[in-house]
Amino acid sequence: MSDPKAALWIAHVTVHDAEAYGRYAELAGPAIARYGGVFLARGGRYRQLEGADRPRNVVARFPSFEAAVACYESPEYQAALAHARGAATRDLSVIEEI
């Protein structure tokens, strides 16, 4: 049996309340790490070439699609996410690598 394919979280974010979003980030980082997530990009330099512009872009890599979804659905991440709700407009996708 082959190893599971890794998966990426790709988030595009506009922060409206930096203080509340900061609390989200403090809690989300450990939750993401617990599920094997590693940040590949986190709010660095970018250039919007198509589509809606969100000034904060984050990519995290997980060991599997299942781990990425389990992280999102975990009580730890949901507790962190409670701070982001209303503090940011976000789009988040989980994408399995090829």
PDB file of N, CA and C in Angstrom:
ATOM      1  N   MET A   1       0.850  -1.190   0.000  1.00  0.00           N
ATOM      2  CA  MET A   1       0.000   0.000   0.000  1.00  0.00           C
ATOM      3  C   MET A   1       0.888   1.244   0.000  1.00  0.00           C
ATOM      4  N   SER A   2       0.530   2.233  -0.774  1.00  0.00           N
ATOM      5  CA  SER A   2       1.340   3.437  -0.873  1.00  0.00           C
ATOM      6  C   SER A   2       1.065   4.381   0.295  1.00  0.00           C
ATOM      7  N   ASP A   3       2.032   5.241   0.554  1.00  0.00           N
ATOM      8  CA  ASP A   3       1.874   6.250   1.595  1.00  0.00           C
ATOM      9  C   ASP A   3       0.773   7.220   1.193  1.00  0.00           C
ATOM     10  N   PRO A   4       0.073   7.794   2.188  1.00  0.00           N
ATOM     11  CA  PRO A   4      -0.955   8.781   1.834  1.00  0.00           C
ATOM     12  C   PRO A   4      -0.312  10.018   1.211  1.00  0.00           C
ATOM     13  N   LYS A   5      -1.057  10.675   0.363  1.00  0.00           N
ATOM     14  CA  LYS A   5      -0.582  11.904  -0.256  1.00  0.00           C
ATOM     15  C   LYS A   5      -0.710  13.039   0.746  1.00  0.00           C
ATOM     16  N   ALA A   6       0.257  13.920   0.720  1.00  0.00           N
ATOM     17  CA  ALA A   6       0.191  15.112   1.565  1.00  0.00           C
ATOM     18  C   ALA A   6      -0.932  16.017   1.074  1.00  0.00           C
ATOM     19  N   ALA A   7      -1.309  16.952   1.918  1.00  0.00           N
ATOM     20  CA  ALA A   7      -2.368  17.899   1.567  1.00  0.00           C
ATOM     21  C   ALA A   7      -1.971  19.289   2.030  1.00  0.00           C
ATOM     22  N   LEU A   8      -2.520  20.277   1.361  1.00  0.00           N
ATOM     23  CA  LEU A   8      -2.245  21.670   1.676  1.00  0.00           C
ATOM     24  C   LEU A   8      -3.507  22.378   2.160  1.00  0.00           C
ATOM     25  N   TRP A   9      -3.346  23.186   3.188  1.00  0.00           N
ATOM     26  CA  TRP A   9      -4.360  24.188   3.532  1.00  0.00           C
ATOM     27  C   TRP A   9      -3.927  25.439   2.801  1.00  0.00           C
ATOM     28  N   ILE A  10      -4.823  26.035   2.059  1.00  0.00           N
ATOM     29  CA  ILE A  10      -4.540  27.305   1.405  1.00  0.00           C
ATOM     30  C   ILE A  10      -5.611  28.283   1.862  1.00  0.00           C
ATOM     31  N   ALA A  11      -5.149  29.333   2.549  1.00  0.00           N
ATOM     32  CA  ALA A  11      -6.069  30.327   3.107  1.00  0.00           C
ATOM     33  C   ALA A  11      -5.759  31.704   2.540  1.00  0.00           C
ATOM     34  N   HIS A  12      -6.815  32.432   2.230  1.00  0.00           N
ATOM     35  CA  HIS A  12      -6.715  33.822   1.795  1.00  0.00           C
ATOM     36  C   HIS A  12      -7.551  34.621   2.790  1.00  0.00           C
ATOM     37  N   VAL A  13      -6.935  35.625   3.410  1.00  0.00           N
ATOM     38  CA  VAL A  13      -7.545  36.272   4.570  1.00  0.00           C
ATOM     39  C   VAL A  13      -7.457  37.791   4.464  1.00  0.00           C
ATOM     40  N   THR A  14      -8.525  38.457   4.862  1.00  0.00           N
ATOM     41  CA  THR A  14      -8.515  39.897   5.125  1.00  0.00           C
ATOM     42  C   THR A  14      -8.836  40.059   6.599  1.00  0.00           C
ATOM     43  N   VAL A  15      -7.899  40.615   7.344  1.00  0.00           N
ATOM     44  CA  VAL A  15      -8.061  40.789   8.792  1.00  0.00           C
ATOM     45  C   VAL A  15      -8.757  42.124   9.058  1.00  0.00           C
ATOM     46  N   HIS A  16      -9.808  42.090   9.886  1.00  0.00           N
ATOM     47  CA  HIS A  16     -10.547  43.301  10.269  1.00  0.00           C
ATOM     48  C   HIS A  16     -10.248  43.711  11.707  1.00  0.00           C
ATOM     49  N   ASP A  17      -9.884  42.757  12.541  1.00  0.00           N
ATOM     50  CA  ASP A  17      -9.583  43.004  13.957  1.00  0.00           C
ATOM     51  C   ASP A  17      -8.284  42.280  14.287  1.00  0.00           C
ATOM     52  N   ALA A  18      -7.169  43.018  14.249  1.00  0.00           N
ATOM     53  CA  ALA A  18      -5.849  42.411  14.410  1.00  0.00           C
ATOM     54  C   ALA A  18      -5.669  41.769  15.782  1.00  0.00           C
ATOM     55  N   GLU A  19      -6.231  42.356  16.818  1.00  0.00           N
ATOM     56  CA  GLU A  19      -6.079  41.802  18.162  1.00  0.00           C
ATOM     57  C   GLU A  19      -6.755  40.431  18.280  1.00  0.00           C
ATOM     58  N   ALA A  20      -7.993  40.340  17.834  1.00  0.00           N
ATOM     59  CA  ALA A  20      -8.717  39.064  17.897  1.00  0.00           C
ATOM     60  C   ALA A  20      -8.073  38.031  16.977  1.00  0.00           C
ATOM     61  N   TYR A  21      -7.633  38.462  15.809  1.00  0.00           N
ATOM     62  CA  TYR A  21      -7.003  37.524  14.885  1.00  0.00           C
ATOM     63  C   TYR A  21      -5.666  37.046  15.432  1.00  0.00           C
ATOM     64  N   GLY A  22      -5.003  37.887  16.178  1.00  0.00           N
ATOM     65  CA  GLY A  22      -3.762  37.482  16.837  1.00  0.00           C
ATOM     66  C   GLY A  22      -3.999  36.365  17.844  1.00  0.00           C
ATOM     67  N   ARG A  23      -5.122  36.448  18.575  1.00  0.00           N
ATOM     68  CA  ARG A  23      -5.469  35.363  19.511  1.00  0.00           C
ATOM     69  C   ARG A  23      -5.724  34.069  18.743  1.00  0.00           C
ATOM     70  N   TYR A  24      -6.401  34.179  17.608  1.00  0.00           N
ATOM     71  CA  TYR A  24      -6.616  33.002  16.756  1.00  0.00           C
ATOM     72  C   TYR A  24      -5.260  32.382  16.373  1.00  0.00           C
ATOM     73  N   ALA A  25      -4.342  33.211  15.883  1.00  0.00           N
ATOM     74  CA  ALA A  25      -3.053  32.709  15.404  1.00  0.00           C
ATOM     75  C   ALA A  25      -2.262  32.034  16.527  1.00  0.00           C
ATOM     76  N   GLU A  26      -2.306  32.592  17.730  1.00  0.00           N
ATOM     77  CA  GLU A  26      -1.594  32.003  18.876  1.00  0.00           C
ATOM     78  C   GLU A  26      -2.094  30.593  19.180  1.00  0.00           C
ATOM     79  N   LEU A  27      -3.397  30.380  19.065  1.00  0.00           N
ATOM     80  CA  LEU A  27      -3.982  29.078  19.360  1.00  0.00           C
ATOM     81  C   LEU A  27      -3.935  28.128  18.161  1.00  0.00           C
ATOM     82  N   ALA A  28      -4.059  28.676  16.963  1.00  0.00           N
ATOM     83  CA  ALA A  28      -4.115  27.839  15.763  1.00  0.00           C
ATOM     84  C   ALA A  28      -2.778  27.171  15.470  1.00  0.00           C
ATOM     85  N   GLY A  29      -1.674  27.872  15.684  1.00  0.00           N
ATOM     86  CA  GLY A  29      -0.353  27.314  15.385  1.00  0.00           C
ATOM     87  C   GLY A  29      -0.102  25.981  16.074  1.00  0.00           C
ATOM     88  N   PRO A  30      -0.280  25.893  17.398  1.00  0.00           N
ATOM     89  CA  PRO A  30      -0.084  24.609  18.075  1.00  0.00           C
ATOM     90  C   PRO A  30      -1.063  23.526  17.621  1.00  0.00           C
ATOM     91  N   ALA A  31      -2.299  23.903  17.333  1.00  0.00           N
ATOM     92  CA  ALA A  31      -3.278  22.917  16.857  1.00  0.00           C
ATOM     93  C   ALA A  31      -2.848  22.361  15.501  1.00  0.00           C
ATOM     94  N   ILE A  32      -2.386  23.223  14.628  1.00  0.00           N
ATOM     95  CA  ILE A  32      -1.932  22.796  13.305  1.00  0.00           C
ATOM     96  C   ILE A  32      -0.721  21.879  13.431  1.00  0.00           C
ATOM     97  N   ALA A  33       0.221  22.248  14.278  1.00  0.00           N
ATOM     98  CA  ALA A  33       1.421  21.427  14.487  1.00  0.00           C
ATOM     99  C   ALA A  33       1.066  20.049  15.051  1.00  0.00           C
ATOM    100  N   ARG A  34       0.082  19.998  15.930  1.00  0.00           N
ATOM    101  CA  ARG A  34      -0.330  18.730  16.538  1.00  0.00           C
ATOM    102  C   ARG A  34      -0.778  17.711  15.492  1.00  0.00           C
ATOM    103  N   TYR A  35      -1.314  18.184  14.381  1.00  0.00           N
ATOM    104  CA  TYR A  35      -1.775  17.297  13.312  1.00  0.00           C
ATOM    105  C   TYR A  35      -0.744  17.162  12.193  1.00  0.00           C
ATOM    106  N   GLY A  36       0.484  17.564  12.475  1.00  0.00           N
ATOM    107  CA  GLY A  36       1.556  17.406  11.509  1.00  0.00           C
ATOM    108  C   GLY A  36       1.663  18.529  10.506  1.00  0.00           C
ATOM    109  N   GLY A  37       0.916  19.606  10.706  1.00  0.00           N
ATOM    110  CA  GLY A  37       0.953  20.731   9.782  1.00  0.00           C
ATOM    111  C   GLY A  37       2.216  21.556   9.939  1.00  0.00           C
ATOM    112  N   VAL A  38       2.743  21.987   8.812  1.00  0.00           N
ATOM    113  CA  VAL A  38       3.936  22.832   8.760  1.00  0.00           C
ATOM    114  C   VAL A  38       3.624  24.006   7.842  1.00  0.00           C
ATOM    115  N   PHE A  39       3.908  25.219   8.299  1.00  0.00           N
ATOM    116  CA  PHE A  39       3.649  26.393   7.469  1.00  0.00           C
ATOM    117  C   PHE A  39       4.700  26.506   6.364  1.00  0.00           C
ATOM    118  N   LEU A  40       4.225  26.694   5.134  1.00  0.00           N
ATOM    119  CA  LEU A  40       5.097  26.928   3.984  1.00  0.00           C
ATOM    120  C   LEU A  40       5.111  28.398   3.613  1.00  0.00           C
ATOM    121  N   ALA A  41       4.006  29.078   3.851  1.00  0.00           N
ATOM    122  CA  ALA A  41       3.883  30.523   3.609  1.00  0.00           C
ATOM    123  C   ALA A  41       2.917  31.070   4.648  1.00  0.00           C
ATOM    124  N   ARG A  42       3.256  32.256   5.148  1.00  0.00           N
ATOM    125  CA  ARG A  42       2.415  32.812   6.208  1.00  0.00           C
ATOM    126  C   ARG A  42       2.496  34.329   6.181  1.00  0.00           C
ATOM    127  N   GLY A  43       1.662  34.926   5.324  1.00  0.00           N
ATOM    128  CA  GLY A  43       1.566  36.375   5.289  1.00  0.00           C
ATOM    129  C   GLY A  43       2.726  37.095   4.637  1.00  0.00           C
ATOM    130  N   GLY A  44       3.534  36.409   3.856  1.00  0.00           N
ATOM    131  CA  GLY A  44       4.680  37.041   3.210  1.00  0.00           C
ATOM    132  C   GLY A  44       4.297  37.827   1.964  1.00  0.00           C
ATOM    133  N   ARG A  45       5.309  38.223   1.261  1.00  0.00           N
ATOM    134  CA  ARG A  45       5.137  38.999   0.035  1.00  0.00           C
ATOM    135  C   ARG A  45       4.326  38.210  -0.983  1.00  0.00           C
ATOM    136  N   TYR A  46       3.436  38.891  -1.688  1.00  0.00           N
ATOM    137  CA  TYR A  46       2.607  38.237  -2.700  1.00  0.00           C
ATOM    138  C   TYR A  46       2.229  39.249  -3.771  1.00  0.00           C
ATOM    139  N   ARG A  47       1.709  38.747  -4.859  1.00  0.00           N
ATOM    140  CA  ARG A  47       1.168  39.585  -5.923  1.00  0.00           C
ATOM    141  C   ARG A  47      -0.100  38.914  -6.428  1.00  0.00           C
ATOM    142  N   GLN A  48      -1.213  39.594  -6.353  1.00  0.00           N
ATOM    143  CA  GLN A  48      -2.489  39.056  -6.813  1.00  0.00           C
ATOM    144  C   GLN A  48      -2.552  39.167  -8.323  1.00  0.00           C
ATOM    145  N   LEU A  49      -2.659  38.037  -8.992  1.00  0.00           N
ATOM    146  CA  LEU A  49      -2.688  38.032 -10.454  1.00  0.00           C
ATOM    147  C   LEU A  49      -4.097  37.876 -11.005  1.00  0.00           C
ATOM    148  N   GLU A  50      -4.962  37.178 -10.283  1.00  0.00           N
ATOM    149  CA  GLU A  50      -6.354  36.999 -10.708  1.00  0.00           C
ATOM    150  C   GLU A  50      -7.224  36.880  -9.467  1.00  0.00           C
ATOM    151  N   GLY A  51      -8.505  37.141  -9.630  1.00  0.00           N
ATOM    152  CA  GLY A  51      -9.471  36.917  -8.560  1.00  0.00           C
ATOM    153  C   GLY A  51      -9.440  37.979  -7.474  1.00  0.00           C
ATOM    154  N   ALA A  52     -10.207  37.694  -6.423  1.00  0.00           N
ATOM    155  CA  ALA A  52     -10.346  38.625  -5.305  1.00  0.00           C
ATOM    156  C   ALA A  52      -9.049  38.691  -4.501  1.00  0.00           C
ATOM    157  N   ASP A  53      -8.653  39.894  -4.164  1.00  0.00           N
ATOM    158  CA  ASP A  53      -7.428  40.113  -3.402  1.00  0.00           C
ATOM    159  C   ASP A  53      -7.705  39.997  -1.907  1.00  0.00           C
ATOM    160  N   ARG A  54      -6.930  39.182  -1.220  1.00  0.00           N
ATOM    161  CA  ARG A  54      -6.920  39.091   0.241  1.00  0.00           C
ATOM    162  C   ARG A  54      -5.467  39.299   0.642  1.00  0.00           C
ATOM    163  N   PRO A  55      -5.181  40.281   1.470  1.00  0.00           N
ATOM    164  CA  PRO A  55      -3.787  40.643   1.735  1.00  0.00           C
ATOM    165  C   PRO A  55      -2.988  39.658   2.592  1.00  0.00           C
ATOM    166  N   ARG A  56      -3.626  38.686   3.216  1.00  0.00           N
ATOM    167  CA  ARG A  56      -2.882  37.685   3.998  1.00  0.00           C
ATOM    168  C   ARG A  56      -3.132  36.316   3.375  1.00  0.00           C
ATOM    169  N   ASN A  57      -2.054  35.635   3.022  1.00  0.00           N
ATOM    170  CA  ASN A  57      -2.142  34.334   2.369  1.00  0.00           C
ATOM    171  C   ASN A  57      -1.302  33.342   3.158  1.00  0.00           C
ATOM    172  N   VAL A  58      -1.877  32.180   3.441  1.00  0.00           N
ATOM    173  CA  VAL A  58      -1.222  31.177   4.271  1.00  0.00           C
ATOM    174  C   VAL A  58      -1.318  29.817   3.583  1.00  0.00           C
ATOM    175  N   VAL A  59      -0.200  29.099   3.577  1.00  0.00           N
ATOM    176  CA  VAL A  59      -0.175  27.728   3.063  1.00  0.00           C
ATOM    177  C   VAL A  59       0.468  26.861   4.136  1.00  0.00           C
ATOM    178  N   ALA A  60      -0.223  25.793   4.518  1.00  0.00           N
ATOM    179  CA  ALA A  60       0.320  24.817   5.464  1.00  0.00           C
ATOM    180  C   ALA A  60       0.227  23.443   4.827  1.00  0.00           C
ATOM    181  N   ARG A  61       1.251  22.640   5.051  1.00  0.00           N
ATOM    182  CA  ARG A  61       1.304  21.287   4.487  1.00  0.00           C
ATOM    183  C   ARG A  61       1.079  20.275   5.602  1.00  0.00           C
ATOM    184  N   PHE A  62       0.197  19.314   5.346  1.00  0.00           N
ATOM    185  CA  PHE A  62      -0.128  18.241   6.289  1.00  0.00           C
ATOM    186  C   PHE A  62       0.296  16.904   5.693  1.00  0.00           C
ATOM    187  N   PRO A  63       0.539  15.905   6.532  1.00  0.00           N
ATOM    188  CA  PRO A  63       0.988  14.608   6.019  1.00  0.00           C
ATOM    189  C   PRO A  63      -0.064  13.870   5.186  1.00  0.00           C
ATOM    190  N   SER A  64      -1.327  14.233   5.344  1.00  0.00           N
ATOM    191  CA  SER A  64      -2.396  13.591   4.559  1.00  0.00           C
ATOM    192  C   SER A  64      -3.617  14.498   4.518  1.00  0.00           C
ATOM    193  N   PHE A  65      -4.482  14.211   3.571  1.00  0.00           N
ATOM    194  CA  PHE A  65      -5.751  14.934   3.468  1.00  0.00           C
ATOM    195  C   PHE A  65      -6.554  14.748   4.749  1.00  0.00           C
ATOM    196  N   GLU A  66      -6.559  13.510   5.248  1.00  0.00           N
ATOM    197  CA  GLU A  66      -7.319  13.195   6.464  1.00  0.00           C
ATOM    198  C   GLU A  66      -6.796  13.975   7.664  1.00  0.00           C
ATOM    199  N   ALA A  67      -5.480  14.127   7.769  1.00  0.00           N
ATOM    200  CA  ALA A  67      -4.902  14.892   8.879  1.00  0.00           C
ATOM    201  C   ALA A  67      -5.297  16.365   8.783  1.00  0.00           C
ATOM    202  N   ALA A  68      -5.322  16.904   7.575  1.00  0.00           N
ATOM    203  CA  ALA A  68      -5.693  18.306   7.378  1.00  0.00           C
ATOM    204  C   ALA A  68      -7.146  18.547   7.791  1.00  0.00           C
ATOM    205  N   VAL A  69      -8.028  17.656   7.393  1.00  0.00           N
ATOM    206  CA  VAL A  69      -9.449  17.796   7.749  1.00  0.00           C
ATOM    207  C   VAL A  69      -9.642  17.562   9.247  1.00  0.00           C
ATOM    208  N   ALA A  70      -8.961  16.562   9.805  1.00  0.00           N
ATOM    209  CA  ALA A  70      -9.070  16.284  11.240  1.00  0.00           C
ATOM    210  C   ALA A  70      -8.606  17.480  12.062  1.00  0.00           C
ATOM    211  N   CYS A  71      -7.562  18.145  11.615  1.00  0.00           N
ATOM    212  CA  CYS A  71      -7.094  19.341  12.309  1.00  0.00           C
ATOM    213  C   CYS A  71      -8.180  20.404  12.320  1.00  0.00           C
ATOM    214  N   TYR A  72      -8.747  20.691  11.155  1.00  0.00           N
ATOM    215  CA  TYR A  72      -9.785  21.719  11.063  1.00  0.00           C
ATOM    216  C   TYR A  72     -10.962  21.397  11.974  1.00  0.00           C
ATOM    217  N   GLU A  73     -11.341  20.136  12.020  1.00  0.00           N
ATOM    218  CA  GLU A  73     -12.507  19.723  12.804  1.00  0.00           C
ATOM    219  C   GLU A  73     -12.197  19.508  14.282  1.00  0.00           C
ATOM    220  N   SER A  74     -10.931  19.580  14.678  1.00  0.00           N
ATOM    221  CA  SER A  74     -10.537  19.301  16.064  1.00  0.00           C
ATOM    222  C   SER A  74     -11.053  20.363  17.028  1.00  0.00           C
ATOM    223  N   PRO A  75     -11.303  19.979  18.270  1.00  0.00           N
ATOM    224  CA  PRO A  75     -11.732  20.957  19.278  1.00  0.00           C
ATOM    225  C   PRO A  75     -10.714  22.087  19.467  1.00  0.00           C
ATOM    226  N   GLU A  76      -9.415  21.760  19.378  1.00  0.00           N
ATOM    227  CA  GLU A  76      -8.383  22.779  19.562  1.00  0.00           C
ATOM    228  C   GLU A  76      -8.445  23.846  18.468  1.00  0.00           C
ATOM    229  N   TYR A  77      -8.574  23.390  17.216  1.00  0.00           N
ATOM    230  CA  TYR A  77      -8.615  24.365  16.124  1.00  0.00           C
ATOM    231  C   TYR A  77      -9.929  25.135  16.132  1.00  0.00           C
ATOM    232  N   GLN A  78     -11.018  24.475  16.441  1.00  0.00           N
ATOM    233  CA  GLN A  78     -12.300  25.169  16.490  1.00  0.00           C
ATOM    234  C   GLN A  78     -12.308  26.242  17.585  1.00  0.00           C
ATOM    235  N   ALA A  79     -11.622  25.976  18.707  1.00  0.00           N
ATOM    236  CA  ALA A  79     -11.498  26.993  19.762  1.00  0.00           C
ATOM    237  C   ALA A  79     -10.717  28.192  19.243  1.00  0.00           C
ATOM    238  N   ALA A  80      -9.652  27.939  18.485  1.00  0.00           N
ATOM    239  CA  ALA A  80      -8.885  29.031  17.884  1.00  0.00           C
ATOM    240  C   ALA A  80      -9.737  29.792  16.875  1.00  0.00           C
ATOM    241  N   LEU A  81     -10.451  29.056  16.052  1.00  0.00           N
ATOM    242  CA  LEU A  81     -11.256  29.654  14.996  1.00  0.00           C
ATOM    243  C   LEU A  81     -12.335  30.586  15.538  1.00  0.00           C
ATOM    244  N   ALA A  82     -12.795  30.330  16.734  1.00  0.00           N
ATOM    245  CA  ALA A  82     -13.807  31.205  17.351  1.00  0.00           C
ATOM    246  C   ALA A  82     -13.303  32.647  17.431  1.00  0.00           C
ATOM    247  N   HIS A  83     -11.988  32.845  17.575  1.00  0.00           N
ATOM    248  CA  HIS A  83     -11.420  34.192  17.634  1.00  0.00           C
ATOM    249  C   HIS A  83     -11.339  34.848  16.259  1.00  0.00           C
ATOM    250  N   ALA A  84     -11.268  34.044  15.210  1.00  0.00           N
ATOM    251  CA  ALA A  84     -11.171  34.582  13.853  1.00  0.00           C
ATOM    252  C   ALA A  84     -12.535  34.990  13.304  1.00  0.00           C
ATOM    253  N   ARG A  85     -13.575  34.335  13.784  1.00  0.00           N
ATOM    254  CA  ARG A  85     -14.919  34.660  13.285  1.00  0.00           C
ATOM    255  C   ARG A  85     -15.256  36.098  13.663  1.00  0.00           C
ATOM    256  N   GLY A  86     -15.610  36.888  12.670  1.00  0.00           N
ATOM    257  CA  GLY A  86     -15.902  38.293  12.882  1.00  0.00           C
ATOM    258  C   GLY A  86     -14.653  39.164  12.866  1.00  0.00           C
ATOM    259  N   ALA A  87     -13.480  38.560  13.029  1.00  0.00           N
ATOM    260  CA  ALA A  87     -12.226  39.308  13.017  1.00  0.00           C
ATOM    261  C   ALA A  87     -11.569  39.293  11.639  1.00  0.00           C
ATOM    262  N   ALA A  88     -12.063  38.425  10.756  1.00  0.00           N
ATOM    263  CA  ALA A  88     -11.460  38.298   9.432  1.00  0.00           C
ATOM    264  C   ALA A  88     -12.459  37.707   8.454  1.00  0.00           C
ATOM    265  N   THR A  89     -12.233  38.009   7.191  1.00  0.00           N
ATOM    266  CA  THR A  89     -12.938  37.346   6.099  1.00  0.00           C
ATOM    267  C   THR A  89     -11.943  36.356   5.514  1.00  0.00           C
ATOM    268  N   ARG A  90     -12.329  35.086   5.457  1.00  0.00           N
ATOM    269  CA  ARG A  90     -11.390  34.029   5.084  1.00  0.00           C
ATOM    270  C   ARG A  90     -11.965  33.105   4.038  1.00  0.00           C
ATOM    271  N   ASP A  91     -11.099  32.618   3.197  1.00  0.00           N
ATOM    272  CA  ASP A  91     -11.386  31.492   2.312  1.00  0.00           C
ATOM    273  C   ASP A  91     -10.335  30.451   2.651  1.00  0.00           C
ATOM    274  N   LEU A  92     -10.753  29.211   2.891  1.00  0.00           N
ATOM    275  CA  LEU A  92      -9.811  28.146   3.244  1.00  0.00           C
ATOM    276  C   LEU A  92     -10.185  26.894   2.480  1.00  0.00           C
ATOM    277  N   SER A  93      -9.201  26.317   1.807  1.00  0.00           N
ATOM    278  CA  SER A  93      -9.401  25.063   1.082  1.00  0.00           C
ATOM    279  C   SER A  93      -8.366  24.061   1.532  1.00  0.00           C
ATOM    280  N   VAL A  94      -8.734  22.790   1.483  1.00  0.00           N
ATOM    281  CA  VAL A  94      -7.794  21.695   1.669  1.00  0.00           C
ATOM    282  C   VAL A  94      -7.648  21.016   0.316  1.00  0.00           C
ATOM    283  N   ILE A  95      -6.395  20.879  -0.127  1.00  0.00           N
ATOM    284  CA  ILE A  95      -6.140  20.329  -1.449  1.00  0.00           C
ATOM    285  C   ILE A  95      -5.112  19.225  -1.342  1.00  0.00           C
ATOM    286  N   GLU A  96      -5.444  18.053  -1.858  1.00  0.00           N
ATOM    287  CA  GLU A  96      -4.514  16.933  -1.843  1.00  0.00           C
ATOM    288  C   GLU A  96      -3.452  17.134  -2.912  1.00  0.00           C
ATOM    289  N   GLU A  97      -2.195  16.880  -2.549  1.00  0.00           N
ATOM    290  CA  GLU A  97      -1.109  17.004  -3.521  1.00  0.00           C
ATOM    291  C   GLU A  97      -1.178  15.856  -4.530  1.00  0.00           C
ATOM    292  N   ILE A  98      -0.554  16.065  -5.678  1.00  0.00           N
ATOM    293  CA  ILE A  98      -0.520  15.018  -6.699  1.00  0.00           C
ATOM    294  C   ILE A  98       0.753  14.194  -6.558  1.00  0.00           C
TER     295      ILE A  98
END
